C-alpha atoms as a PDB file:
ATOM      1  CA  UNK A   1     -18.110   7.799  16.559  1.00  0.00           C
ATOM      2  CA  UNK A   2     -16.890   5.865  19.603  1.00  0.00           C
ATOM      3  CA  UNK A   3     -16.238   2.135  20.014  1.00  0.00           C
ATOM      4  CA  UNK A   4     -15.534   0.194  23.216  1.00  0.00           C
ATOM      5  CA  UNK A   5     -13.345  -2.907  23.598  1.00  0.00           C
ATOM      6  CA  UNK A   6     -13.479  -5.014  26.764  1.00  0.00           C
ATOM      7  CA  UNK A   7     -10.220  -6.669  27.815  1.00  0.00           C
ATOM      8  CA  UNK A   8     -10.227  -9.379  30.487  1.00  0.00           C
ATOM      9  CA  UNK A   9      -6.583  -9.187  31.531  1.00  0.00           C
ATOM     10  CA  UNK A  10      -4.897  -5.934  32.523  1.00  0.00           C
ATOM     11  CA  UNK A  11      -1.447  -7.181  31.494  1.00  0.00           C
ATOM     12  CA  UNK A  12      -2.682  -7.333  27.869  1.00  0.00           C
ATOM     13  CA  UNK A  13      -3.702  -3.671  28.065  1.00  0.00           C
ATOM     14  CA  UNK A  14      -0.303  -2.720  29.511  1.00  0.00           C
ATOM     15  CA  UNK A  15       1.463  -4.628  26.704  1.00  0.00           C
ATOM     16  CA  UNK A  16      -0.787  -3.022  24.080  1.00  0.00           C
ATOM     17  CA  UNK A  17      -0.281   0.554  25.260  1.00  0.00           C
ATOM     18  CA  UNK A  18       3.472   0.185  25.786  1.00  0.00           C
ATOM     19  CA  UNK A  19       5.843   2.358  27.758  1.00  0.00           C
ATOM     20  CA  UNK A  20       4.371   5.870  28.108  1.00  0.00           C
ATOM     21  CA  UNK A  21       1.546   4.766  25.743  1.00  0.00           C
ATOM     22  CA  UNK A  22       4.010   4.820  22.827  1.00  0.00           C
ATOM     23  CA  UNK A  23       2.230   2.016  20.917  1.00  0.00           C
ATOM     24  CA  UNK A  24      -1.258   3.548  20.911  1.00  0.00           C
ATOM     25  CA  UNK A  25       0.200   6.967  20.114  1.00  0.00           C
ATOM     26  CA  UNK A  26       1.340   5.520  16.765  1.00  0.00           C
ATOM     27  CA  UNK A  27      -2.224   4.377  16.001  1.00  0.00           C
ATOM     28  CA  UNK A  28      -3.658   7.717  17.149  1.00  0.00           C
ATOM     29  CA  UNK A  29      -1.252   9.684  14.963  1.00  0.00           C
ATOM     30  CA  UNK A  30      -1.651   7.510  11.860  1.00  0.00           C
ATOM     31  CA  UNK A  31      -5.457   7.325  11.991  1.00  0.00           C
ATOM     32  CA  UNK A  32      -6.285  10.598  13.778  1.00  0.00           C
ATOM     33  CA  UNK A  33      -8.247   8.836  16.530  1.00  0.00           C
ATOM     34  CA  UNK A  34      -8.271   9.035  20.329  1.00  0.00           C
ATOM     35  CA  UNK A  35      -7.601   5.872  22.353  1.00  0.00           C
ATOM     36  CA  UNK A  36      -8.352   5.920  26.094  1.00  0.00           C
ATOM     37  CA  UNK A  37      -8.057   3.171  28.683  1.00  0.00           C
ATOM     38  CA  UNK A  38     -10.443   3.004  31.641  1.00  0.00           C
ATOM     39  CA  UNK A  39      -9.742  -0.110  33.682  1.00  0.00           C
ATOM     40  CA  UNK A  40     -10.591  -3.147  31.555  1.00  0.00           C
ATOM     41  CA  UNK A  41     -12.211  -1.004  28.845  1.00  0.00           C
ATOM     42  CA  UNK A  42     -10.549   0.650  25.838  1.00  0.00           C
ATOM     43  CA  UNK A  43     -12.397   3.525  24.148  1.00  0.00           C
ATOM     44  CA  UNK A  44     -11.620   4.571  20.577  1.00  0.00           C
ATOM     45  CA  UNK A  45     -13.118   7.758  19.110  1.00  0.00           C
ATOM     46  CA  UNK A  46     -12.899   9.551  15.762  1.00  0.00           C
ATOM     47  CA  UNK A  47     -14.258   9.382  12.222  1.00  0.00           C
ATOM     48  CA  UNK A  48     -16.180   6.118  11.587  1.00  0.00           C
ATOM     49  CA  UNK A  49     -13.877   4.549   8.966  1.00  0.00           C
ATOM     50  CA  UNK A  50     -10.753   5.429  10.937  1.00  0.00           C
ATOM     51  CA  UNK A  51     -12.248   4.134  14.189  1.00  0.00           C
ATOM     52  CA  UNK A  52     -13.023   0.798  12.492  1.00  0.00           C
ATOM     53  CA  UNK A  53      -9.409   0.489  11.345  1.00  0.00           C
ATOM     54  CA  UNK A  54      -8.160   1.384  14.822  1.00  0.00           C
ATOM     55  CA  UNK A  55     -10.476  -1.220  16.398  1.00  0.00           C
ATOM     56  CA  UNK A  56      -9.180  -3.854  13.970  1.00  0.00           C
ATOM     57  CA  UNK A  57      -5.566  -2.910  14.790  1.00  0.00           C
ATOM     58  CA  UNK A  58      -6.171  -2.977  18.559  1.00  0.00           C
ATOM     59  CA  UNK A  59      -7.907  -6.371  18.386  1.00  0.00           C
ATOM     60  CA  UNK A  60      -5.075  -7.850  16.323  1.00  0.00           C
ATOM     61  CA  UNK A  61      -2.455  -6.464  18.705  1.00  0.00           C
ATOM     62  CA  UNK A  62      -4.358  -7.822  21.711  1.00  0.00           C
ATOM     63  CA  UNK A  63      -4.279 -11.239  20.002  1.00  0.00           C
ATOM     64  CA  UNK A  64      -0.488 -10.875  19.633  1.00  0.00           C
ATOM     65  CA  UNK A  65      -0.205  -9.931  23.318  1.00  0.00           C
ATOM     66  CA  UNK A  66      -2.358 -12.908  24.345  1.00  0.00           C
ATOM     67  CA  UNK A  67       0.236 -15.224  22.723  1.00  0.00           C
ATOM     68  CA  UNK A  68       2.821 -13.857  25.150  1.00  0.00           C
ATOM     69  CA  UNK A  69       4.643 -11.665  22.628  1.00  0.00           C
ATOM     70  CA  UNK A  70       5.870  -8.173  23.481  1.00  0.00           C
ATOM     71  CA  UNK A  71       4.335  -5.415  21.373  1.00  0.00           C
ATOM     72  CA  UNK A  72       6.557  -2.645  20.047  1.00  0.00           C
ATOM     73  CA  UNK A  73       6.628  -0.136  17.210  1.00  0.00           C
ATOM     74  CA  UNK A  74       7.493  -2.776  14.609  1.00  0.00           C
ATOM     75  CA  UNK A  75       4.483  -4.940  15.541  1.00  0.00           C
ATOM     76  CA  UNK A  76       2.120  -1.946  15.575  1.00  0.00           C
ATOM     77  CA  UNK A  77       3.230  -0.648  12.176  1.00  0.00           C
ATOM     78  CA  UNK A  78       3.174  -4.124  10.629  1.00  0.00           C
ATOM     79  CA  UNK A  79      -0.386  -4.850  11.799  1.00  0.00           C
ATOM     80  CA  UNK A  80      -1.594  -1.442  10.601  1.00  0.00           C
ATOM     81  CA  UNK A  81       0.063  -1.942   7.211  1.00  0.00           C
ATOM     82  CA  UNK A  82      -1.552  -5.348   6.733  1.00  0.00           C
ATOM     83  CA  UNK A  83      -4.988  -3.993   7.702  1.00  0.00           C
ATOM     84  CA  UNK A  84      -4.504  -1.231   5.111  1.00  0.00           C
ATOM     85  CA  UNK A  85      -3.777  -3.982   2.558  1.00  0.00           C
ATOM     86  CA  UNK A  86      -6.986  -5.820   3.496  1.00  0.00           C
ATOM     87  CA  UNK A  87      -5.222  -8.792   5.137  1.00  0.00           C
ATOM     88  CA  UNK A  88      -6.926  -8.652   8.531  1.00  0.00           C
ATOM     89  CA  UNK A  89      -8.284 -12.224   8.310  1.00  0.00           C
ATOM     90  CA  UNK A  90      -4.865 -13.658   7.409  1.00  0.00           C
ATOM     91  CA  UNK A  91      -3.318 -11.941  10.438  1.00  0.00           C
ATOM     92  CA  UNK A  92      -5.563 -13.985  12.741  1.00  0.00           C
ATOM     93  CA  UNK A  93      -3.572 -17.168  11.966  1.00  0.00           C
ATOM     94  CA  UNK A  94      -0.164 -15.526  12.305  1.00  0.00           C
ATOM     95  CA  UNK A  95       1.966 -16.705  15.215  1.00  0.00           C
ATOM     96  CA  UNK A  96      -0.038 -19.847  15.958  1.00  0.00           C
ATOM     97  CA  UNK A  97       2.479 -22.344  14.543  1.00  0.00           C
ATOM     98  CA  UNK A  98       5.724 -22.904  16.452  1.00  0.00           C
ATOM     99  CA  UNK A  99       8.721 -23.819  14.258  1.00  0.00           C
ATOM    100  CA  UNK A 100      10.956 -24.928  17.123  1.00  0.00           C
ATOM    101  CA  UNK A 101      11.808 -24.099  20.740  1.00  0.00           C
ATOM    102  CA  UNK A 102      15.120 -22.368  21.490  1.00  0.00           C
ATOM    103  CA  UNK A 103      17.463 -23.616  24.189  1.00  0.00           C
ATOM    104  CA  UNK A 104      16.063 -21.058  26.667  1.00  0.00           C
ATOM    105  CA  UNK A 105      12.481 -22.176  26.024  1.00  0.00           C
ATOM    106  CA  UNK A 106      11.408 -19.412  23.634  1.00  0.00           C
ATOM    107  CA  UNK A 107       9.016 -20.608  20.901  1.00  0.00           C
ATOM    108  CA  UNK A 108      10.164 -19.545  17.431  1.00  0.00           C
ATOM    109  CA  UNK A 109       7.362 -18.422  15.116  1.00  0.00           C
ATOM    110  CA  UNK A 110       6.947 -16.566  11.846  1.00  0.00           C
ATOM    111  CA  UNK A 111       6.347 -12.882  12.652  1.00  0.00           C
ATOM    112  CA  UNK A 112       4.969 -11.712   9.316  1.00  0.00           C
ATOM    113  CA  UNK A 113       2.666 -13.144   6.649  1.00  0.00           C
ATOM    114  CA  UNK A 114       5.604 -13.315   4.254  1.00  0.00           C
ATOM    115  CA  UNK A 115       7.631 -15.309   6.776  1.00  0.00           C
ATOM    116  CA  UNK A 116       4.679 -17.642   7.353  1.00  0.00           C
ATOM    117  CA  UNK A 117       4.394 -18.302   3.609  1.00  0.00           C
ATOM    118  CA  UNK A 118       8.164 -18.896   3.440  1.00  0.00           C
ATOM    119  CA  UNK A 119       8.006 -21.486   6.246  1.00  0.00           C
ATOM    120  CA  UNK A 120       5.082 -23.255   4.541  1.00  0.00           C
ATOM    121  CA  UNK A 121       7.039 -23.394   1.274  1.00  0.00           C
ATOM    122  CA  UNK A 122      10.018 -24.999   3.029  1.00  0.00           C
ATOM    123  CA  UNK A 123       7.723 -27.626   4.563  1.00  0.00           C
ATOM    124  CA  UNK A 124       6.180 -28.558   1.220  1.00  0.00           C
ATOM    125  CA  UNK A 125       9.076 -28.331  -1.287  1.00  0.00           C
ATOM    126  CA  UNK A 126      12.476 -30.024  -1.680  1.00  0.00           C
ATOM    127  CA  UNK A 127      14.163 -26.785  -2.826  1.00  0.00           C
ATOM    128  CA  UNK A 128      13.191 -23.259  -1.762  1.00  0.00           C
ATOM    129  CA  UNK A 129      14.850 -19.944  -2.572  1.00  0.00           C
ATOM    130  CA  UNK A 130      14.326 -17.256   0.079  1.00  0.00           C
ATOM    131  CA  UNK A 131      15.118 -13.906  -1.533  1.00  0.00           C
ATOM    132  CA  UNK A 132      14.865 -10.611   0.309  1.00  0.00           C
ATOM    133  CA  UNK A 133      16.661  -7.779   2.091  1.00  0.00           C
ATOM    134  CA  UNK A 134      18.518  -7.901   5.391  1.00  0.00           C
ATOM    135  CA  UNK A 135      16.383  -8.354   8.494  1.00  0.00           C
ATOM    136  CA  UNK A 136      13.578 -10.373   6.891  1.00  0.00           C
ATOM    137  CA  UNK A 137      14.575 -13.550   8.750  1.00  0.00           C
ATOM    138  CA  UNK A 138      15.239 -15.590   5.606  1.00  0.00           C
ATOM    139  CA  UNK A 139      18.403 -17.240   6.982  1.00  0.00           C
ATOM    140  CA  UNK A 140      17.276 -17.455  10.619  1.00  0.00           C
ATOM    141  CA  UNK A 141      14.006 -19.163   9.679  1.00  0.00           C
ATOM    142  CA  UNK A 142      15.836 -21.568   7.342  1.00  0.00           C
ATOM    143  CA  UNK A 143      18.114 -22.566  10.246  1.00  0.00           C
ATOM    144  CA  UNK A 144      15.059 -22.932  12.528  1.00  0.00           C
ATOM    145  CA  UNK A 145      13.422 -25.250   9.975  1.00  0.00           C
ATOM    146  CA  UNK A 146      16.667 -27.255   9.717  1.00  0.00           C
ATOM    147  CA  UNK A 147      16.822 -27.642  13.512  1.00  0.00           C
ATOM    148  CA  UNK A 148      13.156 -28.683  13.596  1.00  0.00           C
ATOM    149  CA  UNK A 149      13.728 -31.308  10.871  1.00  0.00           C
ATOM    150  CA  UNK A 150      16.818 -32.618  12.694  1.00  0.00           C
ATOM    151  CA  UNK A 151      15.072 -32.856  16.079  1.00  0.00           C
ATOM    152  CA  UNK A 152      12.104 -34.615  14.463  1.00  0.00           C
ATOM    153  CA  UNK A 153      14.526 -37.087  12.798  1.00  0.00           C
ATOM    154  CA  UNK A 154      13.377 -36.044   9.321  1.00  0.00           C
ATOM    155  CA  UNK A 155      17.066 -35.616   8.389  1.00  0.00           C
ATOM    156  CA  UNK A 156      20.256 -37.018   9.868  1.00  0.00           C
ATOM    157  CA  UNK A 157      22.428 -33.931   9.498  1.00  0.00           C
ATOM    158  CA  UNK A 158      22.508 -30.210   8.787  1.00  0.00           C
ATOM    159  CA  UNK A 159      24.900 -28.752   6.212  1.00  0.00           C
ATOM    160  CA  UNK A 160      25.568 -25.012   6.151  1.00  0.00           C
ATOM    161  CA  UNK A 161      27.551 -23.297   3.438  1.00  0.00           C
ATOM    162  CA  UNK A 162      28.277 -19.808   2.235  1.00  0.00           C
ATOM    163  CA  UNK A 163      30.540 -18.320  -0.448  1.00  0.00           C
ATOM    164  CA  UNK A 164      33.562 -16.512   1.027  1.00  0.00           C
ATOM    165  CA  UNK A 165      33.603 -13.763  -1.612  1.00  0.00           C
ATOM    166  CA  UNK A 166      33.340 -11.086   1.093  1.00  0.00           C
ATOM    167  CA  UNK A 167      36.916 -11.902   2.141  1.00  0.00           C
ATOM    168  CA  UNK A 168      38.263 -10.480  -1.081  1.00  0.00           C
ATOM    169  CA  UNK A 169      40.958 -13.174  -1.018  1.00  0.00           C
ATOM    170  CA  UNK A 170      41.336 -16.921  -1.411  1.00  0.00           C
ATOM    171  CA  UNK A 171      40.651 -19.071   1.649  1.00  0.00           C
ATOM    172  CA  UNK A 172      43.973 -20.762   1.059  1.00  0.00           C
ATOM    173  CA  UNK A 173      45.816 -17.567   1.985  1.00  0.00           C
ATOM    174  CA  UNK A 174      43.961 -17.092   5.270  1.00  0.00           C
ATOM    175  CA  UNK A 175      45.620 -18.345   8.491  1.00  0.00           C
ATOM    176  CA  UNK A 176      44.482 -21.446  10.395  1.00  0.00           C
ATOM    177  CA  UNK A 177      42.776 -24.728   9.519  1.00  0.00           C
ATOM    178  CA  UNK A 178      39.606 -24.888   7.403  1.00  0.00           C
ATOM    179  CA  UNK A 179      37.261 -24.292  10.361  1.00  0.00           C
ATOM    180  CA  UNK A 180      39.230 -21.211  11.462  1.00  0.00           C
ATOM    181  CA  UNK A 181      39.298 -19.900   7.904  1.00  0.00           C
ATOM    182  CA  UNK A 182      35.528 -20.049   7.366  1.00  0.00           C
ATOM    183  CA  UNK A 183      34.333 -19.194  10.894  1.00  0.00           C
ATOM    184  CA  UNK A 184      34.121 -15.409  10.306  1.00  0.00           C
ATOM    185  CA  UNK A 185      31.899 -15.897   7.241  1.00  0.00           C
ATOM    186  CA  UNK A 186      29.630 -18.468   8.867  1.00  0.00           C
ATOM    187  CA  UNK A 187      29.345 -16.842  12.298  1.00  0.00           C
ATOM    188  CA  UNK A 188      25.666 -15.793  11.833  1.00  0.00           C
ATOM    189  CA  UNK A 189      24.765 -19.432  11.132  1.00  0.00           C
ATOM    190  CA  UNK A 190      26.771 -20.652  14.133  1.00  0.00           C
ATOM    191  CA  UNK A 191      25.037 -18.129  16.396  1.00  0.00           C
ATOM    192  CA  UNK A 192      21.570 -19.153  15.205  1.00  0.00           C
ATOM    193  CA  UNK A 193      22.326 -22.859  15.727  1.00  0.00           C
ATOM    194  CA  UNK A 194      23.794 -22.194  19.163  1.00  0.00           C
ATOM    195  CA  UNK A 195      20.698 -20.287  20.186  1.00  0.00           C
ATOM    196  CA  UNK A 196      18.369 -23.078  19.060  1.00  0.00           C
ATOM    197  CA  UNK A 197      20.292 -26.142  20.251  1.00  0.00           C
ATOM    198  CA  UNK A 198      22.099 -24.552  23.181  1.00  0.00           C
ATOM    199  CA  UNK A 199      25.820 -23.958  22.639  1.00  0.00           C
ATOM    200  CA  UNK A 200      26.960 -27.066  24.538  1.00  0.00           C
ATOM    201  CA  UNK A 201      24.582 -29.396  22.669  1.00  0.00           C
ATOM    202  CA  UNK A 202      25.426 -27.655  19.380  1.00  0.00           C
ATOM    203  CA  UNK A 203      29.162 -28.320  19.780  1.00  0.00           C
ATOM    204  CA  UNK A 204      28.533 -31.983  20.656  1.00  0.00           C
ATOM    205  CA  UNK A 205      26.436 -32.450  17.497  1.00  0.00           C
ATOM    206  CA  UNK A 206      29.117 -30.595  15.523  1.00  0.00           C
ATOM    207  CA  UNK A 207      31.807 -32.957  16.870  1.00  0.00           C
ATOM    208  CA  UNK A 208      29.708 -35.981  15.832  1.00  0.00           C
ATOM    209  CA  UNK A 209      29.672 -34.645  12.288  1.00  0.00           C
ATOM    210  CA  UNK A 210      25.887 -34.215  12.189  1.00  0.00           C
ATOM    211  CA  UNK A 211      26.290 -30.483  11.681  1.00  0.00           C
ATOM    212  CA  UNK A 212      28.728 -29.493   8.967  1.00  0.00           C
ATOM    213  CA  UNK A 213      29.820 -25.941   8.264  1.00  0.00           C
ATOM    214  CA  UNK A 214      31.941 -25.493   5.163  1.00  0.00           C
ATOM    215  CA  UNK A 215      32.693 -22.979   2.396  1.00  0.00           C
ATOM    216  CA  UNK A 216      30.872 -23.506  -0.866  1.00  0.00           C
ATOM    217  CA  UNK A 217      34.046 -24.598  -2.666  1.00  0.00           C
ATOM    218  CA  UNK A 218      34.211 -27.707  -0.441  1.00  0.00           C
ATOM    219  CA  UNK A 219      30.821 -28.931  -1.716  1.00  0.00           C
ATOM    220  CA  UNK A 220      32.211 -29.910  -5.119  1.00  0.00           C
ATOM    221  CA  UNK A 221      32.136 -33.625  -5.980  1.00  0.00           C
ATOM    222  CA  UNK A 222      29.829 -34.627  -3.109  1.00  0.00           C
ATOM    223  CA  UNK A 223      26.312 -36.053  -2.856  1.00  0.00           C
ATOM    224  CA  UNK A 224      24.400 -35.040   0.269  1.00  0.00           C
ATOM    225  CA  UNK A 225      21.769 -37.616   1.303  1.00  0.00           C
ATOM    226  CA  UNK A 226      19.393 -37.363   4.276  1.00  0.00           C
ATOM    227  CA  UNK A 227      20.432 -33.758   4.963  1.00  0.00           C
ATOM    228  CA  UNK A 228      18.977 -30.285   5.392  1.00  0.00           C
ATOM    229  CA  UNK A 229      21.293 -28.045   3.359  1.00  0.00           C
ATOM    230  CA  UNK A 230      21.373 -24.244   3.584  1.00  0.00           C
ATOM    231  CA  UNK A 231      23.254 -21.996   1.155  1.00  0.00           C
ATOM    232  CA  UNK A 232      23.446 -18.490   2.605  1.00  0.00           C
ATOM    233  CA  UNK A 233      24.458 -15.253   0.809  1.00  0.00           C
ATOM    234  CA  UNK A 234      23.697 -16.990  -2.493  1.00  0.00           C
ATOM    235  CA  UNK A 235      23.755 -13.720  -4.443  1.00  0.00           C
ATOM    236  CA  UNK A 236      27.559 -14.040  -4.288  1.00  0.00           C
ATOM    237  CA  UNK A 237      27.667 -17.394  -6.073  1.00  0.00           C
ATOM    238  CA  UNK A 238      28.557 -17.551  -9.744  1.00  0.00           C
ATOM    239  CA  UNK A 239      26.302 -19.391 -12.217  1.00  0.00           C
ATOM    240  CA  UNK A 240      28.686 -22.351 -12.157  1.00  0.00           C
ATOM    241  CA  UNK A 241      28.781 -22.473  -8.352  1.00  0.00           C
ATOM    242  CA  UNK A 242      24.993 -22.393  -8.080  1.00  0.00           C
ATOM    243  CA  UNK A 243      24.607 -25.271 -10.535  1.00  0.00           C
ATOM    244  CA  UNK A 244      27.331 -27.218  -8.698  1.00  0.00           C
ATOM    245  CA  UNK A 245      25.638 -26.662  -5.326  1.00  0.00           C
ATOM    246  CA  UNK A 246      22.100 -27.576  -6.387  1.00  0.00           C
ATOM    247  CA  UNK A 247      23.294 -30.781  -8.034  1.00  0.00           C
ATOM    248  CA  UNK A 248      24.799 -31.952  -4.690  1.00  0.00           C
ATOM    249  CA  UNK A 249      21.280 -32.792  -3.517  1.00  0.00           C
ATOM    250  CA  UNK A 250      20.780 -36.455  -2.639  1.00  0.00           C
ATOM    251  CA  UNK A 251      17.839 -38.600  -1.527  1.00  0.00           C
ATOM    252  CA  UNK A 252      15.685 -37.522   1.453  1.00  0.00           C
ATOM    253  CA  UNK A 253      17.337 -34.103   1.468  1.00  0.00           C
ATOM    254  CA  UNK A 254      16.019 -30.556   1.486  1.00  0.00           C
ATOM    255  CA  UNK A 255      17.750 -27.405   0.237  1.00  0.00           C
ATOM    256  CA  UNK A 256      17.095 -23.786   1.203  1.00  0.00           C
ATOM    257  CA  UNK A 257      18.962 -21.059  -0.664  1.00  0.00           C
ATOM    258  CA  UNK A 258      18.929 -17.547   0.807  1.00  0.00           C
ATOM    259  CA  UNK A 259      20.184 -14.281  -0.611  1.00  0.00           C
ATOM    260  CA  UNK A 260      19.639 -10.614  -1.379  1.00  0.00           C
ATOM    261  CA  UNK A 261      19.948  -9.737  -5.070  1.00  0.00           C
ATOM    262  CA  UNK A 262      20.562  -6.066  -4.183  1.00  0.00           C
ATOM    263  CA  UNK A 263      23.828  -6.917  -2.361  1.00  0.00           C
ATOM    264  CA  UNK A 264      25.930  -8.689  -4.978  1.00  0.00           C
ATOM    265  CA  UNK A 265      29.688  -8.487  -4.243  1.00  0.00           C
ATOM    266  CA  UNK A 266      30.864 -10.333  -7.366  1.00  0.00           C
ATOM    267  CA  UNK A 267      33.107  -8.679  -9.983  1.00  0.00           C
ATOM    268  CA  UNK A 268      31.111  -6.786 -12.619  1.00  0.00           C
ATOM    269  CA  UNK A 269      31.869  -9.363 -15.313  1.00  0.00           C
ATOM    270  CA  UNK A 270      30.365 -12.202 -13.232  1.00  0.00           C
ATOM    271  CA  UNK A 271      26.609 -12.799 -13.213  1.00  0.00           C
ATOM    272  CA  UNK A 272      25.073 -13.771  -9.877  1.00  0.00           C
ATOM    273  CA  UNK A 273      24.107 -17.443  -9.702  1.00  0.00           C
ATOM    274  CA  UNK A 274      21.046 -16.452  -7.679  1.00  0.00           C
ATOM    275  CA  UNK A 275      19.793 -14.068 -10.367  1.00  0.00           C
ATOM    276  CA  UNK A 276      20.433 -16.726 -12.993  1.00  0.00           C
ATOM    277  CA  UNK A 277      18.564 -19.385 -10.979  1.00  0.00           C
ATOM    278  CA  UNK A 278      15.506 -17.102 -10.800  1.00  0.00           C
ATOM    279  CA  UNK A 279      15.258 -17.328 -14.587  1.00  0.00           C
ATOM    280  CA  UNK A 280      16.453 -20.889 -15.267  1.00  0.00           C
ATOM    281  CA  UNK A 281      14.546 -22.695 -12.485  1.00  0.00           C
ATOM    282  CA  UNK A 282      11.380 -20.604 -12.401  1.00  0.00           C
ATOM    283  CA  UNK A 283       8.895 -23.201 -13.645  1.00  0.00           C
ATOM    284  CA  UNK A 284      10.311 -26.444 -12.250  1.00  0.00           C
ATOM    285  CA  UNK A 285       7.955 -28.401  -9.992  1.00  0.00           C
ATOM    286  CA  UNK A 286       9.357 -28.862  -6.480  1.00  0.00           C
ATOM    287  CA  UNK A 287      11.362 -25.622  -6.630  1.00  0.00           C
ATOM    288  CA  UNK A 288       9.748 -22.495  -5.166  1.00  0.00           C
ATOM    289  CA  UNK A 289      10.871 -18.881  -4.894  1.00  0.00           C
ATOM    290  CA  UNK A 290       9.756 -16.781  -1.922  1.00  0.00           C
ATOM    291  CA  UNK A 291      10.289 -13.037  -2.176  1.00  0.00           C
ATOM    292  CA  UNK A 292      10.363 -11.231   1.151  1.00  0.00           C
ATOM    293  CA  UNK A 293      10.135  -7.432   1.233  1.00  0.00           C
ATOM    294  CA  UNK A 294      10.671  -4.490   3.566  1.00  0.00           C
ATOM    295  CA  UNK A 295       7.298  -5.373   5.129  1.00  0.00           C
ATOM    296  CA  UNK A 296       8.894  -8.567   6.483  1.00  0.00           C
ATOM    297  CA  UNK A 297      11.824  -6.777   8.172  1.00  0.00           C
ATOM    298  CA  UNK A 298      11.762  -7.566  11.892  1.00  0.00           C
ATOM    299  CA  UNK A 299      14.568  -5.278  13.010  1.00  0.00           C
ATOM    300  CA  UNK A 300      14.475  -1.609  14.024  1.00  0.00           C
ATOM    301  CA  UNK A 301      11.727   0.273  12.094  1.00  0.00           C
ATOM    302  CA  UNK A 302      14.427   2.430  10.471  1.00  0.00           C
ATOM    303  CA  UNK A 303      15.762  -0.694   8.730  1.00  0.00           C
ATOM    304  CA  UNK A 304      12.469  -0.959   6.801  1.00  0.00           C
ATOM    305  CA  UNK A 305      12.881   2.620   5.578  1.00  0.00           C
ATOM    306  CA  UNK A 306      16.530   2.040   4.646  1.00  0.00           C
ATOM    307  CA  UNK A 307      15.658  -1.135   2.713  1.00  0.00           C
ATOM    308  CA  UNK A 308      12.814   0.621   0.898  1.00  0.00           C
ATOM    309  CA  UNK A 309      15.069   3.542  -0.067  1.00  0.00           C
ATOM    310  CA  UNK A 310      17.741   1.227  -1.508  1.00  0.00           C
ATOM    311  CA  UNK A 311      15.140  -0.871  -3.345  1.00  0.00           C
ATOM    312  CA  UNK A 312      13.806   2.321  -4.931  1.00  0.00           C
ATOM    313  CA  UNK A 313      17.320   3.290  -6.014  1.00  0.00           C
ATOM    314  CA  UNK A 314      17.978  -0.194  -7.442  1.00  0.00           C
ATOM    315  CA  UNK A 315      14.722  -0.151  -9.415  1.00  0.00           C
ATOM    316  CA  UNK A 316      15.533   3.285 -10.809  1.00  0.00           C
ATOM    317  CA  UNK A 317      19.034   2.141 -11.841  1.00  0.00           C
ATOM    318  CA  UNK A 318      17.598  -0.938 -13.575  1.00  0.00           C
ATOM    319  CA  UNK A 319      15.009   1.236 -15.364  1.00  0.00           C
ATOM    320  CA  UNK A 320      17.762   3.549 -16.674  1.00  0.00           C
ATOM    321  CA  UNK A 321      19.827   0.548 -17.836  1.00  0.00           C
ATOM    322  CA  UNK A 322      16.800  -0.930 -19.674  1.00  0.00           C
ATOM    323  CA  UNK A 323      16.169   2.389 -21.396  1.00  0.00           C
ATOM    324  CA  UNK A 324      19.839   2.573 -22.428  1.00  0.00           C
ATOM    325  CA  UNK A 325      19.784  -0.997 -23.799  1.00  0.00           C
ATOM    326  CA  UNK A 326      16.561  -0.312 -25.702  1.00  0.00           C
ATOM    327  CA  UNK A 327      17.994   2.899 -27.164  1.00  0.00           C
ATOM    328  CA  UNK A 328      21.197   1.142 -28.258  1.00  0.00           C
ATOM    329  CA  UNK A 329      19.139  -1.663 -29.814  1.00  0.00           C
ATOM    330  CA  UNK A 330      17.026   0.822 -31.797  1.00  0.00           C
ATOM    331  CA  UNK A 331      20.145   2.638 -33.007  1.00  0.00           C
ATOM    332  CA  UNK A 332      21.727  -0.634 -34.193  1.00  0.00           C
ATOM    333  CA  UNK A 333      18.558  -1.581 -36.071  1.00  0.00           C
ATOM    334  CA  UNK A 334      18.429   1.882 -37.683  1.00  0.00           C
ATOM    335  CA  UNK A 335      22.041   1.524 -38.859  1.00  0.00           C
ATOM    336  CA  UNK A 336      21.251  -1.843 -40.459  1.00  0.00           C
END
């Protein structure tokens, strides 16, 4: 079977095929089809069902290219994966909504269906938990939404916080003033804000006190009104810290909590506040949990494979622990 696709603009074809045709080679290898370009026409040949999938993938990727986005291996594999999952229609709306414009004029958009759902949740709910592995954009998108809300005057300030557990020592023993102490732990948030506001504008807003960056411990005893508040690396909060943070919320404020439950750095005798919140706050109206997966990773394709491998290991470890707990429970009942 052979299908033909007509493309009006040659630059879309060049973007689709990629350097040395590396993008279409992925489709050809995965689906065992042949893809040939003749001027403004793309020909796809192979077994009927595989050709149909290839046509769907090519059309979706051409739509991505028409929005001015560069196509690479990550985009190709993501589109093919979603088509395999029967989500072709949902892909059509992806990338249409701009969250905000960066300082160099780049429009920021959700790149996966999971990211799109996450952004929609943040728009509609006062408190959202974004849980997922590294590279899924959970923190970056939260910062983008905060910048958008600030620019649209929906909030008067942005508050960024993060536990400093990674330091392995108390902030009080680190050199410098508070800002110098916490800078290393909040650098990813600084970088994202600088990119979106422009570093000069960002520092001016920071000096006016409309952007506040502080360790989680400094949140105690405060009420944060008219603010967009982001708690990053929340898997490293204790149960007490999480409760303390969430109860800082004031009127006209929005909270986004981000974290990865597979990367907890707390001592073994301390339960993660993020894991606890998943259970305690699960059915409260106005609080939503968004779970991003390896399919939402927008870094190097190898990162997806690494994340998947570690998730598999974590699930296996949890299964073994459940079996051990169940066995111990049965033995105790038998003894009684």
